[in-house]
Amino acid sequence: MLNIRPISDLRNNFADISKTVHESAQPVFLTKNGYGDMVVMSLEKYKAITSESIIAAKLKESALEAKSTPQRFDFLETAAEMREKLIEKI
């Protein structure tokens, strides 16, 4: 269920909003004059969302590249080559 509160609660009940976003791991939606204005969430939740977005973007990019080229790489060969290069650097 969405937690919607007036923006004045951010000033008047900051501790309660902070507790809510950390305990529930859900954002609090703030309204101004009856309209959505901003969202407050914990830093942990924000990091999770941005990490998921970055991963999704990278997966989409790799899928597009796979469609545009017929070249394929064997995992075991690639892993062996990378292992050799890492050993050389050490």
PDB file of N, CA and C in Angstrom:
ATOM      1  N   MET A   1       0.845  -1.183   0.000  1.00  0.00           N
ATOM      2  CA  MET A   1       0.000   0.000   0.000  1.00  0.00           C
ATOM      3  C   MET A   1       0.886   1.240   0.000  1.00  0.00           C
ATOM      4  N   LEU A   2       0.537   2.208  -0.803  1.00  0.00           N
ATOM      5  CA  LEU A   2       1.306   3.445  -0.892  1.00  0.00           C
ATOM      6  C   LEU A   2       1.179   4.265   0.388  1.00  0.00           C
ATOM      7  N   ASN A   3       2.281   4.848   0.792  1.00  0.00           N
ATOM      8  CA  ASN A   3       2.299   5.730   1.949  1.00  0.00           C
ATOM      9  C   ASN A   3       2.383   7.156   1.406  1.00  0.00           C
ATOM     10  N   ILE A   4       1.250   7.856   1.415  1.00  0.00           N
ATOM     11  CA  ILE A   4       1.159   9.209   0.864  1.00  0.00           C
ATOM     12  C   ILE A   4       0.913  10.185   2.004  1.00  0.00           C
ATOM     13  N   ARG A   5       1.759  11.205   2.055  1.00  0.00           N
ATOM     14  CA  ARG A   5       1.643  12.190   3.136  1.00  0.00           C
ATOM     15  C   ARG A   5       1.853  13.588   2.586  1.00  0.00           C
ATOM     16  N   PRO A   6       1.313  14.588   3.271  1.00  0.00           N
ATOM     17  CA  PRO A   6       1.554  15.968   2.825  1.00  0.00           C
ATOM     18  C   PRO A   6       3.015  16.346   3.075  1.00  0.00           C
ATOM     19  N   ILE A   7       3.526  17.219   2.255  1.00  0.00           N
ATOM     20  CA  ILE A   7       4.932  17.611   2.348  1.00  0.00           C
ATOM     21  C   ILE A   7       5.249  18.263   3.697  1.00  0.00           C
ATOM     22  N   SER A   8       4.268  18.853   4.333  1.00  0.00           N
ATOM     23  CA  SER A   8       4.491  19.474   5.650  1.00  0.00           C
ATOM     24  C   SER A   8       4.921  18.429   6.683  1.00  0.00           C
ATOM     25  N   ASP A   9       4.544  17.149   6.469  1.00  0.00           N
ATOM     26  CA  ASP A   9       4.973  16.089   7.388  1.00  0.00           C
ATOM     27  C   ASP A   9       6.480  15.900   7.367  1.00  0.00           C
ATOM     28  N   LEU A  10       7.125  16.254   6.253  1.00  0.00           N
ATOM     29  CA  LEU A  10       8.574  16.121   6.185  1.00  0.00           C
ATOM     30  C   LEU A  10       9.234  17.020   7.225  1.00  0.00           C
ATOM     31  N   ARG A  11       8.686  18.206   7.401  1.00  0.00           N
ATOM     32  CA  ARG A  11       9.209  19.147   8.388  1.00  0.00           C
ATOM     33  C   ARG A  11       8.733  18.800   9.792  1.00  0.00           C
ATOM     34  N   ASN A  12       7.441  18.481   9.918  1.00  0.00           N
ATOM     35  CA  ASN A  12       6.843  18.289  11.237  1.00  0.00           C
ATOM     36  C   ASN A  12       7.052  16.891  11.813  1.00  0.00           C
ATOM     37  N   ASN A  13       7.222  15.891  10.962  1.00  0.00           N
ATOM     38  CA  ASN A  13       7.332  14.503  11.438  1.00  0.00           C
ATOM     39  C   ASN A  13       8.476  13.771  10.750  1.00  0.00           C
ATOM     40  N   PHE A  14       9.611  14.451  10.631  1.00  0.00           N
ATOM     41  CA  PHE A  14      10.740  13.865   9.920  1.00  0.00           C
ATOM     42  C   PHE A  14      11.159  12.521  10.514  1.00  0.00           C
ATOM     43  N   ALA A  15      11.254  12.433  11.822  1.00  0.00           N
ATOM     44  CA  ALA A  15      11.692  11.196  12.473  1.00  0.00           C
ATOM     45  C   ALA A  15      10.762  10.038  12.130  1.00  0.00           C
ATOM     46  N   ASP A  16       9.471  10.305  12.091  1.00  0.00           N
ATOM     47  CA  ASP A  16       8.494   9.261  11.763  1.00  0.00           C
ATOM     48  C   ASP A  16       8.650   8.804  10.308  1.00  0.00           C
ATOM     49  N   ILE A  17       8.853   9.745   9.402  1.00  0.00           N
ATOM     50  CA  ILE A  17       9.043   9.392   7.986  1.00  0.00           C
ATOM     51  C   ILE A  17      10.331   8.595   7.822  1.00  0.00           C
ATOM     52  N   SER A  18      11.390   9.010   8.482  1.00  0.00           N
ATOM     53  CA  SER A  18      12.658   8.296   8.416  1.00  0.00           C
ATOM     54  C   SER A  18      12.499   6.868   8.924  1.00  0.00           C
ATOM     55  N   LYS A  19      11.837   6.718  10.036  1.00  0.00           N
ATOM     56  CA  LYS A  19      11.599   5.385  10.599  1.00  0.00           C
ATOM     57  C   LYS A  19      10.788   4.526   9.627  1.00  0.00           C
ATOM     58  N   THR A  20       9.778   5.116   9.016  1.00  0.00           N
ATOM     59  CA  THR A  20       8.919   4.385   8.083  1.00  0.00           C
ATOM     60  C   THR A  20       9.701   3.871   6.880  1.00  0.00           C
ATOM     61  N   VAL A  21      10.508   4.739   6.249  1.00  0.00           N
ATOM     62  CA  VAL A  21      11.229   4.308   5.046  1.00  0.00           C
ATOM     63  C   VAL A  21      12.305   3.275   5.355  1.00  0.00           C
ATOM     64  N   HIS A  22      12.888   3.339   6.546  1.00  0.00           N
ATOM     65  CA  HIS A  22      13.912   2.358   6.898  1.00  0.00           C
ATOM     66  C   HIS A  22      13.309   1.022   7.334  1.00  0.00           C
ATOM     67  N   GLU A  23      12.246   1.051   8.090  1.00  0.00           N
ATOM     68  CA  GLU A  23      11.652  -0.198   8.578  1.00  0.00           C
ATOM     69  C   GLU A  23      10.874  -0.940   7.505  1.00  0.00           C
ATOM     70  N   SER A  24      10.162  -0.209   6.663  1.00  0.00           N
ATOM     71  CA  SER A  24       9.327  -0.863   5.659  1.00  0.00           C
ATOM     72  C   SER A  24      10.056  -1.081   4.338  1.00  0.00           C
ATOM     73  N   ALA A  25      11.171  -0.395   4.136  1.00  0.00           N
ATOM     74  CA  ALA A  25      11.909  -0.416   2.861  1.00  0.00           C
ATOM     75  C   ALA A  25      11.024   0.039   1.705  1.00  0.00           C
ATOM     76  N   GLN A  26      10.007   0.811   2.012  1.00  0.00           N
ATOM     77  CA  GLN A  26       9.102   1.355   1.001  1.00  0.00           C
ATOM     78  C   GLN A  26       9.213   2.877   1.013  1.00  0.00           C
ATOM     79  N   PRO A  27       9.040   3.500  -0.132  1.00  0.00           N
ATOM     80  CA  PRO A  27       9.124   4.962  -0.172  1.00  0.00           C
ATOM     81  C   PRO A  27       7.887   5.634   0.419  1.00  0.00           C
ATOM     82  N   VAL A  28       8.052   6.876   0.787  1.00  0.00           N
ATOM     83  CA  VAL A  28       6.937   7.718   1.229  1.00  0.00           C
ATOM     84  C   VAL A  28       6.745   8.781   0.148  1.00  0.00           C
ATOM     85  N   PHE A  29       5.523   8.882  -0.358  1.00  0.00           N
ATOM     86  CA  PHE A  29       5.193   9.855  -1.391  1.00  0.00           C
ATOM     87  C   PHE A  29       4.657  11.110  -0.718  1.00  0.00           C
ATOM     88  N   LEU A  30       5.245  12.255  -1.075  1.00  0.00           N
ATOM     89  CA  LEU A  30       4.847  13.517  -0.477  1.00  0.00           C
ATOM     90  C   LEU A  30       4.069  14.352  -1.493  1.00  0.00           C
ATOM     91  N   THR A  31       3.002  14.965  -0.993  1.00  0.00           N
ATOM     92  CA  THR A  31       2.162  15.789  -1.861  1.00  0.00           C
ATOM     93  C   THR A  31       2.266  17.256  -1.465  1.00  0.00           C
ATOM     94  N   LYS A  32       2.065  18.117  -2.447  1.00  0.00           N
ATOM     95  CA  LYS A  32       2.044  19.556  -2.221  1.00  0.00           C
ATOM     96  C   LYS A  32       0.775  20.070  -2.888  1.00  0.00           C
ATOM     97  N   ASN A  33      -0.077  20.684  -2.099  1.00  0.00           N
ATOM     98  CA  ASN A  33      -1.371  21.179  -2.585  1.00  0.00           C
ATOM     99  C   ASN A  33      -2.183  20.078  -3.265  1.00  0.00           C
ATOM    100  N   GLY A  34      -2.082  18.865  -2.717  1.00  0.00           N
ATOM    101  CA  GLY A  34      -2.871  17.744  -3.216  1.00  0.00           C
ATOM    102  C   GLY A  34      -2.292  17.019  -4.409  1.00  0.00           C
ATOM    103  N   TYR A  35      -1.130  17.438  -4.879  1.00  0.00           N
ATOM    104  CA  TYR A  35      -0.503  16.807  -6.034  1.00  0.00           C
ATOM    105  C   TYR A  35       0.838  16.197  -5.628  1.00  0.00           C
ATOM    106  N   GLY A  36       1.213  15.104  -6.285  1.00  0.00           N
ATOM    107  CA  GLY A  36       2.493  14.471  -6.006  1.00  0.00           C
ATOM    108  C   GLY A  36       3.636  15.438  -6.237  1.00  0.00           C
ATOM    109  N   ASP A  37       4.572  15.478  -5.293  1.00  0.00           N
ATOM    110  CA  ASP A  37       5.686  16.419  -5.406  1.00  0.00           C
ATOM    111  C   ASP A  37       7.037  15.714  -5.337  1.00  0.00           C
ATOM    112  N   MET A  38       7.206  14.775  -4.421  1.00  0.00           N
ATOM    113  CA  MET A  38       8.489  14.090  -4.293  1.00  0.00           C
ATOM    114  C   MET A  38       8.318  12.766  -3.571  1.00  0.00           C
ATOM    115  N   VAL A  39       9.393  11.982  -3.609  1.00  0.00           N
ATOM    116  CA  VAL A  39       9.413  10.673  -2.962  1.00  0.00           C
ATOM    117  C   VAL A  39      10.610  10.636  -2.025  1.00  0.00           C
ATOM    118  N   VAL A  40      10.410  10.089  -0.837  1.00  0.00           N
ATOM    119  CA  VAL A  40      11.491   9.925   0.129  1.00  0.00           C
ATOM    120  C   VAL A  40      11.689   8.425   0.327  1.00  0.00           C
ATOM    121  N   MET A  41      12.954   7.989   0.211  1.00  0.00           N
ATOM    122  CA  MET A  41      13.255   6.572   0.430  1.00  0.00           C
ATOM    123  C   MET A  41      14.601   6.454   1.123  1.00  0.00           C
ATOM    124  N   SER A  42      14.856   5.284   1.676  1.00  0.00           N
ATOM    125  CA  SER A  42      16.130   5.064   2.352  1.00  0.00           C
ATOM    126  C   SER A  42      17.250   4.988   1.326  1.00  0.00           C
ATOM    127  N   LEU A  43      18.452   5.265   1.752  1.00  0.00           N
ATOM    128  CA  LEU A  43      19.605   5.205   0.871  1.00  0.00           C
ATOM    129  C   LEU A  43      19.813   3.779   0.365  1.00  0.00           C
ATOM    130  N   GLU A  44      19.575   2.796   1.204  1.00  0.00           N
ATOM    131  CA  GLU A  44      19.724   1.403   0.799  1.00  0.00           C
ATOM    132  C   GLU A  44      18.769   1.061  -0.345  1.00  0.00           C
ATOM    133  N   LYS A  45      17.525   1.500  -0.242  1.00  0.00           N
ATOM    134  CA  LYS A  45      16.537   1.245  -1.292  1.00  0.00           C
ATOM    135  C   LYS A  45      16.931   1.969  -2.574  1.00  0.00           C
ATOM    136  N   TYR A  46      17.394   3.190  -2.461  1.00  0.00           N
ATOM    137  CA  TYR A  46      17.828   3.957  -3.632  1.00  0.00           C
ATOM    138  C   TYR A  46      18.983   3.256  -4.342  1.00  0.00           C
ATOM    139  N   LYS A  47      19.972   2.790  -3.572  1.00  0.00           N
ATOM    140  CA  LYS A  47      21.113   2.089  -4.162  1.00  0.00           C
ATOM    141  C   LYS A  47      20.654   0.824  -4.879  1.00  0.00           C
ATOM    142  N   ALA A  48      19.715   0.103  -4.282  1.00  0.00           N
ATOM    143  CA  ALA A  48      19.203  -1.122  -4.909  1.00  0.00           C
ATOM    144  C   ALA A  48      18.511  -0.807  -6.231  1.00  0.00           C
ATOM    145  N   ILE A  49      17.713   0.233  -6.237  1.00  0.00           N
ATOM    146  CA  ILE A  49      16.994   0.615  -7.459  1.00  0.00           C
ATOM    147  C   ILE A  49      17.974   1.043  -8.546  1.00  0.00           C
ATOM    148  N   THR A  50      18.956   1.861  -8.199  1.00  0.00           N
ATOM    149  CA  THR A  50      19.902   2.324  -9.220  1.00  0.00           C
ATOM    150  C   THR A  50      20.776   1.177  -9.707  1.00  0.00           C
ATOM    151  N   SER A  51      21.157   0.272  -8.827  1.00  0.00           N
ATOM    152  CA  SER A  51      21.949  -0.889  -9.248  1.00  0.00           C
ATOM    153  C   SER A  51      21.158  -1.749 -10.222  1.00  0.00           C
ATOM    154  N   GLU A  52      19.881  -1.971  -9.923  1.00  0.00           N
ATOM    155  CA  GLU A  52      19.031  -2.757 -10.818  1.00  0.00           C
ATOM    156  C   GLU A  52      18.898  -2.070 -12.171  1.00  0.00           C
ATOM    157  N   SER A  53      18.791  -0.752 -12.172  1.00  0.00           N
ATOM    158  CA  SER A  53      18.675  -0.009 -13.425  1.00  0.00           C
ATOM    159  C   SER A  53      19.944  -0.124 -14.261  1.00  0.00           C
ATOM    160  N   ILE A  54      21.085  -0.039 -13.617  1.00  0.00           N
ATOM    161  CA  ILE A  54      22.363  -0.149 -14.323  1.00  0.00           C
ATOM    162  C   ILE A  54      22.510  -1.547 -14.920  1.00  0.00           C
ATOM    163  N   ILE A  55      22.182  -2.563 -14.138  1.00  0.00           N
ATOM    164  CA  ILE A  55      22.279  -3.942 -14.627  1.00  0.00           C
ATOM    165  C   ILE A  55      21.333  -4.157 -15.800  1.00  0.00           C
ATOM    166  N   ALA A  56      20.100  -3.665 -15.684  1.00  0.00           N
ATOM    167  CA  ALA A  56      19.125  -3.818 -16.773  1.00  0.00           C
ATOM    168  C   ALA A  56      19.613  -3.122 -18.042  1.00  0.00           C
ATOM    169  N   ALA A  57      20.191  -1.940 -17.900  1.00  0.00           N
ATOM    170  CA  ALA A  57      20.708  -1.207 -19.060  1.00  0.00           C
ATOM    171  C   ALA A  57      21.852  -1.963 -19.723  1.00  0.00           C
ATOM    172  N   LYS A  58      22.753  -2.528 -18.923  1.00  0.00           N
ATOM    173  CA  LYS A  58      23.881  -3.296 -19.469  1.00  0.00           C
ATOM    174  C   LYS A  58      23.387  -4.559 -20.175  1.00  0.00           C
ATOM    175  N   LEU A  59      22.392  -5.223 -19.600  1.00  0.00           N
ATOM    176  CA  LEU A  59      21.832  -6.418 -20.238  1.00  0.00           C
ATOM    177  C   LEU A  59      21.167  -6.074 -21.565  1.00  0.00           C
ATOM    178  N   LYS A  60      20.447  -4.955 -21.594  1.00  0.00           N
ATOM    179  CA  LYS A  60      19.798  -4.521 -22.829  1.00  0.00           C
ATOM    180  C   LYS A  60      20.848  -4.189 -23.883  1.00  0.00           C
ATOM    181  N   GLU A  61      21.897  -3.501 -23.474  1.00  0.00           N
ATOM    182  CA  GLU A  61      22.981  -3.146 -24.388  1.00  0.00           C
ATOM    183  C   GLU A  61      23.631  -4.404 -24.969  1.00  0.00           C
ATOM    184  N   SER A  62      23.876  -5.402 -24.123  1.00  0.00           N
ATOM    185  CA  SER A  62      24.507  -6.629 -24.608  1.00  0.00           C
ATOM    186  C   SER A  62      23.578  -7.402 -25.533  1.00  0.00           C
ATOM    187  N   ALA A  63      22.282  -7.386 -25.265  1.00  0.00           N
ATOM    188  CA  ALA A  63      21.318  -8.068 -26.139  1.00  0.00           C
ATOM    189  C   ALA A  63      21.280  -7.403 -27.514  1.00  0.00           C
ATOM    190  N   LEU A  64      21.323  -6.072 -27.554  1.00  0.00           N
ATOM    191  CA  LEU A  64      21.344  -5.356 -28.834  1.00  0.00           C
ATOM    192  C   LEU A  64      22.615  -5.654 -29.616  1.00  0.00           C
ATOM    193  N   GLU A  65      23.741  -5.707 -28.903  1.00  0.00           N
ATOM    194  CA  GLU A  65      25.001  -6.013 -29.584  1.00  0.00           C
ATOM    195  C   GLU A  65      24.991  -7.443 -30.109  1.00  0.00           C
ATOM    196  N   ALA A  66      24.434  -8.372 -29.345  1.00  0.00           N
ATOM    197  CA  ALA A  66      24.359  -9.770 -29.789  1.00  0.00           C
ATOM    198  C   ALA A  66      23.511  -9.895 -31.052  1.00  0.00           C
ATOM    199  N   LYS A  67      22.451  -9.098 -31.160  1.00  0.00           N
ATOM    200  CA  LYS A  67      21.606  -9.126 -32.359  1.00  0.00           C
ATOM    201  C   LYS A  67      22.315  -8.544 -33.571  1.00  0.00           C
ATOM    202  N   SER A  68      23.221  -7.585 -33.346  1.00  0.00           N
ATOM    203  CA  SER A  68      23.839  -6.869 -34.458  1.00  0.00           C
ATOM    204  C   SER A  68      25.096  -7.551 -35.000  1.00  0.00           C
ATOM    205  N   THR A  69      25.587  -8.573 -34.346  1.00  0.00           N
ATOM    206  CA  THR A  69      26.796  -9.250 -34.813  1.00  0.00           C
ATOM    207  C   THR A  69      26.648 -10.768 -34.691  1.00  0.00           C
ATOM    208  N   PRO A  70      27.173 -11.502 -35.670  1.00  0.00           N
ATOM    209  CA  PRO A  70      27.096 -12.968 -35.590  1.00  0.00           C
ATOM    210  C   PRO A  70      28.216 -13.559 -34.735  1.00  0.00           C
ATOM    211  N   GLN A  71      29.184 -12.747 -34.350  1.00  0.00           N
ATOM    212  CA  GLN A  71      30.335 -13.243 -33.594  1.00  0.00           C
ATOM    213  C   GLN A  71      29.905 -13.730 -32.206  1.00  0.00           C
ATOM    214  N   ARG A  72      30.390 -14.923 -31.836  1.00  0.00           N
ATOM    215  CA  ARG A  72      30.090 -15.485 -30.525  1.00  0.00           C
ATOM    216  C   ARG A  72      31.404 -15.936 -29.882  1.00  0.00           C
ATOM    217  N   PHE A  73      31.452 -15.930 -28.569  1.00  0.00           N
ATOM    218  CA  PHE A  73      32.647 -16.321 -27.836  1.00  0.00           C
ATOM    219  C   PHE A  73      32.332 -17.526 -26.963  1.00  0.00           C
ATOM    220  N   ASP A  74      33.279 -18.445 -26.905  1.00  0.00           N
ATOM    221  CA  ASP A  74      33.141 -19.612 -26.036  1.00  0.00           C
ATOM    222  C   ASP A  74      33.550 -19.202 -24.621  1.00  0.00           C
ATOM    223  N   PHE A  75      32.720 -19.532 -23.653  1.00  0.00           N
ATOM    224  CA  PHE A  75      32.986 -19.103 -22.277  1.00  0.00           C
ATOM    225  C   PHE A  75      34.291 -19.667 -21.750  1.00  0.00           C
ATOM    226  N   LEU A  76      34.502 -20.964 -21.934  1.00  0.00           N
ATOM    227  CA  LEU A  76      35.704 -21.598 -21.372  1.00  0.00           C
ATOM    228  C   LEU A  76      36.978 -21.022 -21.988  1.00  0.00           C
ATOM    229  N   GLU A  77      36.966 -20.784 -23.306  1.00  0.00           N
ATOM    230  CA  GLU A  77      38.134 -20.189 -23.955  1.00  0.00           C
ATOM    231  C   GLU A  77      38.378 -18.772 -23.450  1.00  0.00           C
ATOM    232  N   THR A  78      37.328 -17.991 -23.354  1.00  0.00           N
ATOM    233  CA  THR A  78      37.452 -16.611 -22.886  1.00  0.00           C
ATOM    234  C   THR A  78      37.939 -16.565 -21.441  1.00  0.00           C
ATOM    235  N   ALA A  79      37.394 -17.438 -20.598  1.00  0.00           N
ATOM    236  CA  ALA A  79      37.810 -17.478 -19.188  1.00  0.00           C
ATOM    237  C   ALA A  79      39.279 -17.869 -19.076  1.00  0.00           C
ATOM    238  N   ALA A  80      39.720 -18.825 -19.894  1.00  0.00           N
ATOM    239  CA  ALA A  80      41.126 -19.240 -19.863  1.00  0.00           C
ATOM    240  C   ALA A  80      42.045 -18.099 -20.290  1.00  0.00           C
ATOM    241  N   GLU A  81      41.647 -17.374 -21.335  1.00  0.00           N
ATOM    242  CA  GLU A  81      42.448 -16.230 -21.791  1.00  0.00           C
ATOM    243  C   GLU A  81      42.534 -15.155 -20.715  1.00  0.00           C
ATOM    244  N   MET A  82      41.425 -14.878 -20.076  1.00  0.00           N
ATOM    245  CA  MET A  82      41.418 -13.854 -19.012  1.00  0.00           C
ATOM    246  C   MET A  82      42.279 -14.305 -17.833  1.00  0.00           C
ATOM    247  N   ARG A  83      42.202 -15.584 -17.487  1.00  0.00           N
ATOM    248  CA  ARG A  83      42.992 -16.121 -16.381  1.00  0.00           C
ATOM    249  C   ARG A  83      44.482 -15.964 -16.694  1.00  0.00           C
ATOM    250  N   GLU A  84      44.874 -16.275 -17.936  1.00  0.00           N
ATOM    251  CA  GLU A  84      46.276 -16.130 -18.341  1.00  0.00           C
ATOM    252  C   GLU A  84      46.730 -14.678 -18.220  1.00  0.00           C
ATOM    253  N   LYS A  85      45.911 -13.755 -18.673  1.00  0.00           N
ATOM    254  CA  LYS A  85      46.268 -12.341 -18.600  1.00  0.00           C
ATOM    255  C   LYS A  85      46.396 -11.875 -17.158  1.00  0.00           C
ATOM    256  N   LEU A  86      45.523 -12.373 -16.288  1.00  0.00           N
ATOM    257  CA  LEU A  86      45.611 -11.990 -14.868  1.00  0.00           C
ATOM    258  C   LEU A  86      46.897 -12.550 -14.249  1.00  0.00           C
ATOM    259  N   ILE A  87      47.248 -13.773 -14.614  1.00  0.00           N
ATOM    260  CA  ILE A  87      48.470 -14.389 -14.068  1.00  0.00           C
ATOM    261  C   ILE A  87      49.702 -13.614 -14.534  1.00  0.00           C
ATOM    262  N   GLU A  88      49.693 -13.167 -15.787  1.00  0.00           N
ATOM    263  CA  GLU A  88      50.807 -12.383 -16.317  1.00  0.00           C
ATOM    264  C   GLU A  88      50.986 -11.083 -15.536  1.00  0.00           C
ATOM    265  N   LYS A  89      49.889 -10.464 -15.130  1.00  0.00           N
ATOM    266  CA  LYS A  89      49.954  -9.194 -14.402  1.00  0.00           C
ATOM    267  C   LYS A  89      50.449  -9.381 -12.982  1.00  0.00           C
ATOM    268  N   ILE A  90      50.237 -10.551 -12.440  1.00  0.00           N
ATOM    269  CA  ILE A  90      50.659 -10.822 -11.055  1.00  0.00           C
ATOM    270  C   ILE A  90      52.093 -11.193 -11.063  1.00  0.00           C
TER     271      ILE A  90
END
